N, C-alpha and C. Protein backbone atom coordinates (compact mmCIF):
# COMPACT_ATOMS: atom_id res chain seq x y z
N MET A 1 20.70 -56.54 -248.97
CA MET A 1 19.89 -57.27 -249.40
C MET A 1 19.07 -57.21 -248.06
N ALA A 2 19.28 -57.92 -246.84
CA ALA A 2 18.56 -57.94 -245.54
C ALA A 2 18.13 -56.78 -245.00
N TYR A 3 18.95 -55.47 -245.16
CA TYR A 3 18.59 -54.55 -244.14
C TYR A 3 16.93 -53.73 -245.19
N LEU A 4 17.10 -54.62 -246.73
CA LEU A 4 15.77 -53.61 -247.19
C LEU A 4 14.86 -54.10 -247.17
N ILE A 5 14.52 -55.88 -246.72
CA ILE A 5 13.91 -56.72 -246.30
C ILE A 5 13.03 -56.50 -244.64
N ARG A 6 14.19 -55.87 -243.66
CA ARG A 6 13.64 -55.73 -242.64
C ARG A 6 13.45 -54.30 -242.47
N ASP A 7 13.97 -53.38 -243.65
CA ASP A 7 12.58 -52.16 -243.14
C ASP A 7 11.38 -52.60 -243.59
N ILE A 8 11.17 -53.07 -244.83
CA ILE A 8 9.88 -53.60 -245.48
C ILE A 8 9.07 -53.78 -244.73
N VAL A 9 9.40 -55.31 -243.88
CA VAL A 9 8.66 -55.48 -243.09
C VAL A 9 8.30 -54.79 -241.64
N SER A 10 9.45 -53.50 -241.21
CA SER A 10 8.61 -53.45 -240.34
C SER A 10 7.55 -52.00 -240.89
N LEU A 11 7.60 -51.79 -242.21
CA LEU A 11 6.46 -50.49 -242.52
C LEU A 11 5.27 -51.85 -243.06
N SER A 12 5.91 -52.77 -242.83
CA SER A 12 4.23 -53.79 -243.06
C SER A 12 3.63 -54.82 -242.04
N ALA A 13 4.72 -54.21 -241.12
CA ALA A 13 4.54 -54.95 -239.58
C ALA A 13 2.43 -54.30 -239.54
N GLN A 14 2.03 -52.95 -239.71
CA GLN A 14 0.90 -52.91 -239.01
C GLN A 14 -0.51 -53.04 -239.74
N GLN A 15 0.11 -53.27 -240.95
CA GLN A 15 -0.98 -54.06 -242.10
C GLN A 15 -1.22 -55.70 -242.02
N ALA A 16 -0.21 -55.70 -241.70
CA ALA A 16 -0.17 -57.69 -241.12
C ALA A 16 -0.91 -57.90 -239.66
N LYS A 17 -0.69 -57.41 -238.50
CA LYS A 17 -1.35 -57.19 -237.48
C LYS A 17 -3.14 -57.16 -237.88
N TYR A 18 -3.11 -55.97 -238.74
CA TYR A 18 -4.33 -55.84 -239.09
C TYR A 18 -5.07 -56.89 -239.16
N ASN A 19 -3.95 -57.49 -239.86
CA ASN A 19 -5.16 -59.07 -240.95
C ASN A 19 -4.77 -59.90 -240.63
N ASN A 20 -3.89 -60.45 -239.16
CA ASN A 20 -3.76 -61.74 -238.61
C ASN A 20 -2.22 -62.28 -238.93
N VAL A 21 -1.54 -61.88 -239.72
CA VAL A 21 -0.70 -62.13 -240.47
C VAL A 21 0.68 -61.99 -239.70
N ASP A 22 1.59 -63.22 -239.77
CA ASP A 22 2.64 -63.52 -239.05
C ASP A 22 3.73 -63.05 -240.32
N ILE A 23 4.84 -61.88 -240.02
CA ILE A 23 6.05 -62.32 -241.34
C ILE A 23 6.75 -62.97 -240.53
N LYS A 24 7.69 -63.75 -240.88
CA LYS A 24 8.55 -64.47 -240.81
C LYS A 24 10.30 -64.52 -242.09
N ILE A 25 11.21 -64.00 -241.41
CA ILE A 25 12.22 -63.57 -243.00
C ILE A 25 13.68 -65.06 -242.44
N SER A 26 13.66 -65.36 -243.12
CA SER A 26 15.50 -66.16 -243.32
C SER A 26 16.19 -64.95 -244.57
N LEU A 27 17.20 -64.84 -243.80
CA LEU A 27 18.00 -64.15 -245.28
C LEU A 27 19.71 -64.59 -244.59
N MET A 28 19.90 -65.42 -245.58
CA MET A 28 21.02 -65.78 -246.11
C MET A 28 22.24 -64.56 -245.86
N ASP A 29 23.79 -64.96 -245.29
CA ASP A 29 23.99 -64.02 -244.58
C ASP A 29 25.07 -63.78 -245.82
N SER A 30 25.83 -62.18 -246.13
CA SER A 30 27.16 -61.80 -246.41
C SER A 30 26.69 -62.70 -248.28
N LEU A 31 25.22 -61.90 -248.67
CA LEU A 31 25.35 -62.32 -250.28
C LEU A 31 25.87 -60.65 -250.53
N PRO A 32 26.43 -60.58 -252.30
CA PRO A 32 26.75 -59.85 -252.58
C PRO A 32 25.59 -58.93 -253.08
N ALA A 33 26.64 -57.96 -253.61
CA ALA A 33 25.42 -56.76 -254.09
C ALA A 33 25.11 -57.55 -255.85
N ILE A 34 24.23 -57.03 -256.22
CA ILE A 34 23.11 -57.12 -256.98
C ILE A 34 22.92 -55.80 -258.17
N TRP A 35 22.83 -55.98 -259.60
CA TRP A 35 22.37 -54.99 -260.40
C TRP A 35 20.93 -55.19 -260.11
N GLY A 36 21.00 -53.39 -259.59
CA GLY A 36 19.66 -52.73 -260.04
C GLY A 36 19.72 -51.37 -259.10
N SER A 37 18.64 -50.55 -258.84
CA SER A 37 18.03 -49.63 -258.21
C SER A 37 17.78 -50.29 -256.74
N GLN A 38 17.90 -49.65 -255.90
CA GLN A 38 17.49 -49.61 -254.73
C GLN A 38 16.39 -49.37 -254.08
N THR A 39 15.58 -48.65 -254.83
CA THR A 39 14.31 -47.81 -254.90
C THR A 39 13.45 -48.58 -255.08
N GLU A 40 13.60 -49.33 -256.37
CA GLU A 40 12.68 -50.27 -257.30
C GLU A 40 12.70 -51.48 -256.39
N LEU A 41 13.87 -52.15 -255.57
CA LEU A 41 13.80 -52.76 -255.31
C LEU A 41 12.83 -53.35 -254.47
N GLN A 42 12.49 -52.15 -253.86
CA GLN A 42 12.24 -51.87 -252.31
C GLN A 42 10.54 -51.57 -252.89
N GLN A 43 10.12 -50.88 -254.01
CA GLN A 43 8.64 -50.94 -254.60
C GLN A 43 8.10 -52.48 -254.91
N VAL A 44 9.42 -53.56 -255.53
CA VAL A 44 9.31 -54.71 -255.95
C VAL A 44 8.56 -55.70 -254.29
N LEU A 45 9.62 -55.48 -253.42
CA LEU A 45 9.34 -56.16 -252.24
C LEU A 45 8.13 -55.30 -251.18
N ILE A 46 7.92 -54.19 -251.25
CA ILE A 46 6.46 -53.54 -250.80
C ILE A 46 5.65 -54.86 -251.58
N ASN A 47 5.46 -54.44 -252.41
CA ASN A 47 3.85 -54.70 -253.74
C ASN A 47 3.59 -56.22 -253.20
N LEU A 48 4.87 -57.54 -252.89
CA LEU A 48 4.78 -58.57 -253.05
C LEU A 48 4.64 -58.72 -251.30
N ILE A 49 4.86 -57.93 -250.60
CA ILE A 49 4.81 -58.36 -249.14
C ILE A 49 3.32 -57.58 -248.90
N ASN A 50 3.00 -56.85 -249.47
CA ASN A 50 1.34 -56.35 -249.06
C ASN A 50 0.62 -57.52 -250.30
N ASN A 51 0.85 -57.39 -251.27
CA ASN A 51 0.31 -58.34 -251.85
C ASN A 51 -0.40 -60.13 -250.96
N ALA A 52 0.76 -60.26 -250.63
CA ALA A 52 0.55 -61.47 -249.81
C ALA A 52 -0.57 -61.44 -248.62
N ILE A 53 -0.16 -60.58 -247.92
CA ILE A 53 -0.61 -60.45 -246.23
C ILE A 53 -2.01 -59.69 -247.01
N ALA A 54 -2.60 -58.98 -247.87
CA ALA A 54 -4.18 -58.51 -248.70
C ALA A 54 -4.77 -60.03 -249.09
N ALA A 55 -3.73 -61.07 -249.71
CA ALA A 55 -4.70 -62.25 -249.47
C ALA A 55 -5.30 -62.93 -248.64
N MET A 56 -4.79 -62.50 -247.58
CA MET A 56 -5.29 -63.73 -246.58
C MET A 56 -6.79 -62.95 -246.05
N ASP A 57 -6.97 -61.45 -246.41
CA ASP A 57 -8.28 -60.52 -246.24
C ASP A 57 -8.75 -61.40 -244.72
N LYS A 58 -7.98 -60.98 -243.60
CA LYS A 58 -7.85 -60.69 -242.37
C LYS A 58 -8.02 -62.21 -242.03
N GLN A 59 -8.11 -63.40 -242.54
CA GLN A 59 -8.14 -64.61 -242.08
C GLN A 59 -7.16 -65.08 -241.17
N GLY A 60 -6.18 -64.53 -241.42
CA GLY A 60 -4.44 -64.81 -240.77
C GLY A 60 -3.49 -65.61 -241.76
N GLY A 61 -2.57 -65.65 -241.03
CA GLY A 61 -1.59 -66.81 -241.79
C GLY A 61 0.08 -66.09 -241.65
N ILE A 62 0.39 -67.10 -242.55
CA ILE A 62 1.83 -66.69 -242.64
C ILE A 62 2.21 -66.11 -243.89
N VAL A 63 3.54 -65.46 -244.32
CA VAL A 63 3.70 -64.80 -245.16
C VAL A 63 6.10 -65.03 -244.83
N GLU A 64 6.58 -65.67 -245.55
CA GLU A 64 7.63 -65.76 -245.60
C GLU A 64 8.73 -65.55 -246.51
N VAL A 65 9.66 -64.61 -246.38
CA VAL A 65 10.46 -64.16 -247.05
C VAL A 65 11.68 -64.59 -247.03
N GLU A 66 12.61 -64.63 -247.85
CA GLU A 66 13.56 -65.70 -247.83
C GLU A 66 14.58 -65.27 -248.82
N THR A 67 15.78 -65.72 -248.88
CA THR A 67 16.70 -64.71 -249.35
C THR A 67 17.92 -65.60 -249.59
N TRP A 68 18.50 -66.36 -250.33
CA TRP A 68 19.64 -67.58 -251.11
C TRP A 68 20.51 -67.30 -251.73
N ARG A 69 21.38 -67.62 -252.91
CA ARG A 69 22.42 -67.79 -253.43
C ARG A 69 22.54 -69.16 -253.90
N PRO A 70 21.99 -69.15 -255.17
CA PRO A 70 21.48 -70.52 -255.61
C PRO A 70 22.92 -70.98 -256.72
N THR A 71 23.32 -69.87 -257.49
CA THR A 71 24.52 -69.97 -257.95
C THR A 71 25.19 -68.94 -257.78
N HIS A 72 27.08 -69.02 -258.58
CA HIS A 72 27.68 -67.68 -257.82
C HIS A 72 27.20 -66.69 -259.00
N ASP A 73 26.88 -66.64 -259.75
CA ASP A 73 26.12 -65.21 -260.27
C ASP A 73 24.91 -64.76 -260.20
N ARG A 74 24.30 -65.29 -259.12
CA ARG A 74 22.94 -65.34 -259.08
C ARG A 74 22.25 -65.25 -258.01
N VAL A 75 21.02 -64.19 -257.38
CA VAL A 75 21.02 -64.05 -255.92
C VAL A 75 19.69 -64.14 -255.97
N LYS A 76 19.24 -64.30 -254.86
CA LYS A 76 17.29 -65.10 -255.47
C LYS A 76 16.90 -64.81 -253.69
N PHE A 77 15.64 -63.86 -254.27
CA PHE A 77 14.53 -63.97 -252.71
C PHE A 77 12.95 -64.30 -253.40
N SER A 78 12.08 -64.74 -251.95
CA SER A 78 10.92 -65.03 -252.33
C SER A 78 10.04 -65.02 -251.46
N VAL A 79 9.03 -64.81 -251.71
CA VAL A 79 8.14 -64.17 -250.97
C VAL A 79 6.86 -65.05 -250.91
N ARG A 80 6.37 -66.04 -250.16
CA ARG A 80 5.64 -66.91 -249.75
C ARG A 80 4.27 -66.56 -248.73
N ASP A 81 3.12 -66.97 -248.98
CA ASP A 81 2.25 -67.03 -248.27
C ASP A 81 1.42 -68.07 -248.29
N ASN A 82 0.95 -68.72 -247.17
CA ASN A 82 0.17 -69.88 -247.05
C ASN A 82 -1.66 -69.32 -246.85
N GLY A 83 -1.91 -68.39 -248.04
CA GLY A 83 -3.20 -68.06 -248.29
C GLY A 83 -3.95 -68.72 -249.21
N PRO A 84 -4.92 -68.21 -249.60
CA PRO A 84 -6.18 -69.14 -250.76
C PRO A 84 -5.55 -69.67 -251.74
N GLY A 85 -4.52 -69.07 -251.93
CA GLY A 85 -3.68 -69.59 -253.70
C GLY A 85 -4.51 -68.55 -254.88
N ILE A 86 -3.98 -69.46 -255.89
CA ILE A 86 -4.46 -68.60 -257.43
C ILE A 86 -4.84 -69.13 -258.19
N PRO A 87 -6.25 -69.56 -259.04
CA PRO A 87 -6.86 -69.98 -259.70
C PRO A 87 -5.83 -70.02 -261.39
N GLU A 88 -5.66 -71.42 -261.68
CA GLU A 88 -4.92 -71.67 -262.72
C GLU A 88 -5.00 -70.50 -263.64
N ALA A 89 -6.14 -70.29 -263.84
CA ALA A 89 -6.63 -69.29 -264.85
C ALA A 89 -6.04 -67.95 -264.54
N ASN A 90 -6.26 -67.57 -263.39
CA ASN A 90 -5.58 -66.34 -263.08
C ASN A 90 -3.98 -66.06 -263.19
N LEU A 91 -3.54 -66.62 -263.37
CA LEU A 91 -2.05 -67.13 -262.77
C LEU A 91 -1.24 -66.65 -264.04
N LYS A 92 -2.52 -67.27 -265.55
CA LYS A 92 -1.63 -66.87 -266.79
C LYS A 92 -1.57 -65.85 -266.91
N ARG A 93 -1.96 -64.88 -266.25
CA ARG A 93 -2.51 -63.28 -266.41
C ARG A 93 -1.93 -62.62 -264.99
N ILE A 94 -1.76 -63.25 -264.47
CA ILE A 94 -1.17 -62.58 -263.21
C ILE A 94 -0.17 -61.16 -263.56
N PHE A 95 0.86 -61.54 -264.52
CA PHE A 95 1.84 -60.36 -264.62
C PHE A 95 0.92 -58.90 -265.74
N GLU A 96 -0.21 -59.53 -266.28
CA GLU A 96 -0.46 -58.53 -267.16
C GLU A 96 -1.08 -57.53 -266.56
N PRO A 97 -0.32 -55.81 -267.56
CA PRO A 97 -1.44 -54.65 -266.92
C PRO A 97 -2.39 -54.85 -267.13
N PHE A 98 -2.96 -53.97 -265.94
CA PHE A 98 -4.95 -53.96 -265.38
C PHE A 98 -5.27 -55.13 -265.26
N PHE A 99 -5.04 -56.56 -265.41
CA PHE A 99 -5.32 -57.20 -264.93
C PHE A 99 -5.59 -57.62 -263.55
N THR A 100 -6.77 -57.71 -262.68
CA THR A 100 -7.21 -57.81 -261.21
C THR A 100 -8.00 -58.70 -260.63
N THR A 101 -8.18 -59.15 -259.62
CA THR A 101 -9.89 -60.26 -259.48
C THR A 101 -9.92 -59.27 -257.83
N LYS A 102 -9.45 -58.13 -257.56
CA LYS A 102 -9.85 -57.00 -256.99
C LYS A 102 -10.96 -56.25 -257.04
N PRO A 103 -12.38 -56.01 -256.56
CA PRO A 103 -13.19 -55.24 -256.37
C PRO A 103 -12.71 -54.06 -256.84
N VAL A 104 -13.51 -53.93 -257.45
CA VAL A 104 -13.56 -51.92 -258.50
C VAL A 104 -13.32 -50.89 -256.74
N GLY A 105 -12.40 -50.04 -257.15
CA GLY A 105 -11.44 -49.23 -256.48
C GLY A 105 -10.87 -50.17 -255.38
N LYS A 106 -10.50 -51.20 -255.58
CA LYS A 106 -9.39 -51.60 -254.32
C LYS A 106 -8.16 -52.23 -254.76
N GLY A 107 -7.70 -51.79 -255.95
CA GLY A 107 -6.58 -52.44 -256.68
C GLY A 107 -7.10 -51.82 -258.25
N THR A 108 -5.73 -51.39 -259.12
CA THR A 108 -5.26 -51.32 -260.74
C THR A 108 -4.84 -52.11 -261.16
N GLY A 109 -4.59 -53.23 -260.55
CA GLY A 109 -3.97 -54.08 -261.66
C GLY A 109 -2.35 -53.87 -262.22
N LEU A 110 -1.80 -52.57 -261.86
CA LEU A 110 -0.92 -53.00 -261.73
C LEU A 110 0.61 -52.89 -261.41
N GLY A 111 0.14 -53.50 -260.00
CA GLY A 111 1.41 -53.73 -259.06
C GLY A 111 2.59 -54.26 -259.28
N LEU A 112 2.11 -55.87 -259.59
CA LEU A 112 3.01 -56.76 -260.47
C LEU A 112 3.31 -56.23 -261.73
N SER A 113 2.52 -55.95 -262.59
CA SER A 113 3.11 -55.47 -263.64
C SER A 113 4.27 -54.50 -263.62
N ILE A 114 4.09 -54.23 -262.79
CA ILE A 114 5.24 -53.23 -262.97
C ILE A 114 6.44 -53.82 -262.01
N CYS A 115 6.05 -55.10 -261.17
CA CYS A 115 7.34 -56.00 -260.50
C CYS A 115 7.87 -56.26 -261.59
N TYR A 116 7.12 -56.99 -262.35
CA TYR A 116 7.75 -57.59 -263.71
C TYR A 116 8.51 -57.11 -264.51
N GLY A 117 8.38 -55.87 -264.58
CA GLY A 117 8.87 -54.95 -265.24
C GLY A 117 10.38 -54.78 -265.07
N ILE A 118 10.12 -53.87 -263.27
CA ILE A 118 11.44 -53.84 -262.78
C ILE A 118 12.53 -55.12 -262.69
N ILE A 119 12.17 -56.08 -262.77
CA ILE A 119 12.63 -57.18 -261.96
C ILE A 119 13.63 -57.26 -263.31
N ASN A 120 12.87 -56.92 -264.74
CA ASN A 120 12.88 -57.59 -266.15
C ASN A 120 14.29 -56.58 -266.10
N THR A 121 13.90 -55.46 -265.70
CA THR A 121 14.69 -54.32 -267.02
C THR A 121 16.32 -54.69 -265.54
N MET A 122 16.48 -55.62 -264.16
CA MET A 122 17.34 -55.54 -263.72
C MET A 122 17.91 -56.84 -264.05
N GLY A 123 17.71 -57.35 -265.36
CA GLY A 123 18.30 -58.69 -265.57
C GLY A 123 17.76 -59.91 -264.88
N GLY A 124 16.23 -59.53 -264.30
CA GLY A 124 16.39 -60.77 -263.18
C GLY A 124 14.45 -61.47 -264.10
N ASP A 125 14.35 -62.39 -262.63
CA ASP A 125 13.35 -63.02 -263.54
C ASP A 125 12.51 -63.33 -262.51
N ILE A 126 11.06 -63.08 -262.26
CA ILE A 126 9.95 -63.36 -261.18
C ILE A 126 9.16 -64.44 -262.10
N VAL A 127 8.79 -65.20 -261.03
CA VAL A 127 7.79 -66.65 -261.58
C VAL A 127 7.18 -66.91 -260.38
N VAL A 128 5.96 -66.71 -260.58
CA VAL A 128 4.74 -67.61 -259.57
C VAL A 128 4.14 -69.01 -259.46
N GLU A 129 4.61 -69.56 -258.09
CA GLU A 129 4.05 -70.86 -257.72
C GLU A 129 2.81 -70.79 -257.29
N SER A 130 1.55 -71.80 -257.54
CA SER A 130 0.06 -70.90 -256.18
C SER A 130 -0.29 -72.52 -256.57
N GLN A 131 -1.17 -72.57 -255.70
CA GLN A 131 -2.12 -73.95 -255.29
C GLN A 131 -3.02 -73.49 -254.94
N VAL A 132 -4.74 -73.57 -255.02
CA VAL A 132 -5.29 -72.80 -254.87
C VAL A 132 -5.64 -73.78 -253.32
N GLY A 133 -5.94 -73.20 -252.41
CA GLY A 133 -6.38 -73.69 -250.89
C GLY A 133 -4.79 -73.85 -250.04
N GLU A 134 -3.68 -73.44 -250.69
CA GLU A 134 -2.74 -73.86 -250.08
C GLU A 134 -1.56 -72.62 -250.25
N GLY A 135 -1.31 -71.92 -250.77
CA GLY A 135 -0.77 -70.74 -251.04
C GLY A 135 -0.14 -69.92 -252.47
N THR A 136 0.95 -69.35 -252.00
CA THR A 136 1.12 -68.53 -253.07
C THR A 136 2.92 -67.65 -252.95
N CYS A 137 3.61 -68.76 -254.46
CA CYS A 137 5.13 -68.00 -253.68
C CYS A 137 5.66 -67.70 -255.00
N PHE A 138 5.85 -65.89 -254.60
CA PHE A 138 6.56 -65.21 -255.46
C PHE A 138 8.01 -65.27 -255.73
N GLU A 139 9.47 -65.89 -256.78
CA GLU A 139 10.63 -65.99 -256.49
C GLU A 139 11.19 -65.40 -257.66
N VAL A 140 12.24 -64.52 -257.09
CA VAL A 140 12.95 -63.60 -257.88
C VAL A 140 14.30 -63.71 -257.89
N SER A 141 15.06 -63.52 -259.37
CA SER A 141 16.15 -64.22 -259.55
C SER A 141 16.78 -62.88 -260.22
N LEU A 142 18.14 -62.34 -259.08
CA LEU A 142 18.92 -61.45 -259.94
C LEU A 142 20.03 -61.97 -260.15
N PRO A 143 20.87 -60.63 -261.08
CA PRO A 143 22.26 -61.33 -261.67
C PRO A 143 22.96 -60.36 -260.46
N ILE A 144 24.48 -60.40 -259.63
CA ILE A 144 25.11 -60.19 -258.87
C ILE A 144 25.77 -59.14 -259.40
N ASN A 145 25.94 -58.21 -258.96
CA ASN A 145 26.47 -56.90 -259.63
C ASN A 145 28.42 -57.24 -259.79
N ALA A 146 29.35 -57.70 -260.67
CA ALA A 146 30.40 -57.77 -260.56
C ALA A 146 31.13 -56.83 -260.25
N ASP A 147 31.08 -55.64 -260.92
CA ASP A 147 31.68 -54.39 -260.63
C ASP A 147 30.84 -53.52 -259.94
N LYS A 148 31.32 -53.33 -258.33
CA LYS A 148 30.95 -53.00 -257.72
C LYS A 148 30.71 -51.75 -257.30
N SER A 149 31.85 -50.89 -258.98
CA SER A 149 32.45 -49.37 -258.65
C SER A 149 30.93 -48.67 -259.54
N THR A 150 29.92 -49.04 -260.02
CA THR A 150 29.19 -48.49 -260.42
C THR A 150 28.44 -48.47 -259.12
N THR A 151 28.64 -46.98 -258.67
CA THR A 151 27.26 -46.18 -257.85
C THR A 151 25.80 -45.89 -257.75
N GLU A 152 25.35 -46.38 -258.79
CA GLU A 152 23.89 -45.93 -258.74
C GLU A 152 23.40 -47.94 -259.00
N TYR A 153 24.21 -48.57 -258.03
CA TYR A 153 23.39 -49.81 -257.82
C TYR A 153 23.59 -50.35 -256.38
N THR A 154 22.98 -51.48 -256.45
CA THR A 154 22.51 -51.78 -254.65
C THR A 154 24.00 -52.27 -254.09
N LYS A 155 23.79 -51.57 -252.27
CA LYS A 155 24.61 -51.92 -251.80
C LYS A 155 24.43 -53.20 -251.70
N SER A 156 25.75 -54.24 -250.72
CA SER A 156 25.83 -55.50 -250.94
C SER A 156 24.56 -55.86 -250.03
N MET A 157 23.78 -56.93 -250.66
CA MET A 157 22.58 -57.61 -249.90
C MET A 157 22.75 -58.07 -248.59
N SER A 158 23.89 -57.98 -248.25
CA SER A 158 23.51 -58.35 -246.44
C SER A 158 23.61 -57.26 -245.78
N SER A 159 24.07 -56.28 -246.37
CA SER A 159 23.60 -54.98 -245.63
C SER A 159 22.30 -54.45 -244.60
């Protein structure tokens, strides 16, 4: 996953710079392979990082991406920002298709719904915590791929 995160951060660097946002990464070494599509995982990471950058609305801030292994059969990653946060009423609907707080033409309300579906299909979980005025954290938990013989699944997360 380290290589995925580094690639996504590099892709998001210009948008971050334009929005006065610093992206910091803290990646655990030697995470095992996980179940899931590399392309879909990239889509989730791009969406979460770009949403975090956009939430700062050019006010500047920090986006932190972290990986770790909480148990022998799961790995986790998080995308945290110190932006304006999400009001509780919106938090309850955040993963609903077509729910958006962005102005017309700026978003479809599908990004987080798609992320939720991808992570769910991979056998994982995605949760969000947010405090208005303090920021937001999306945390993703994914199962480890004990059968590394399946070629359609991701490489070792430390690659």
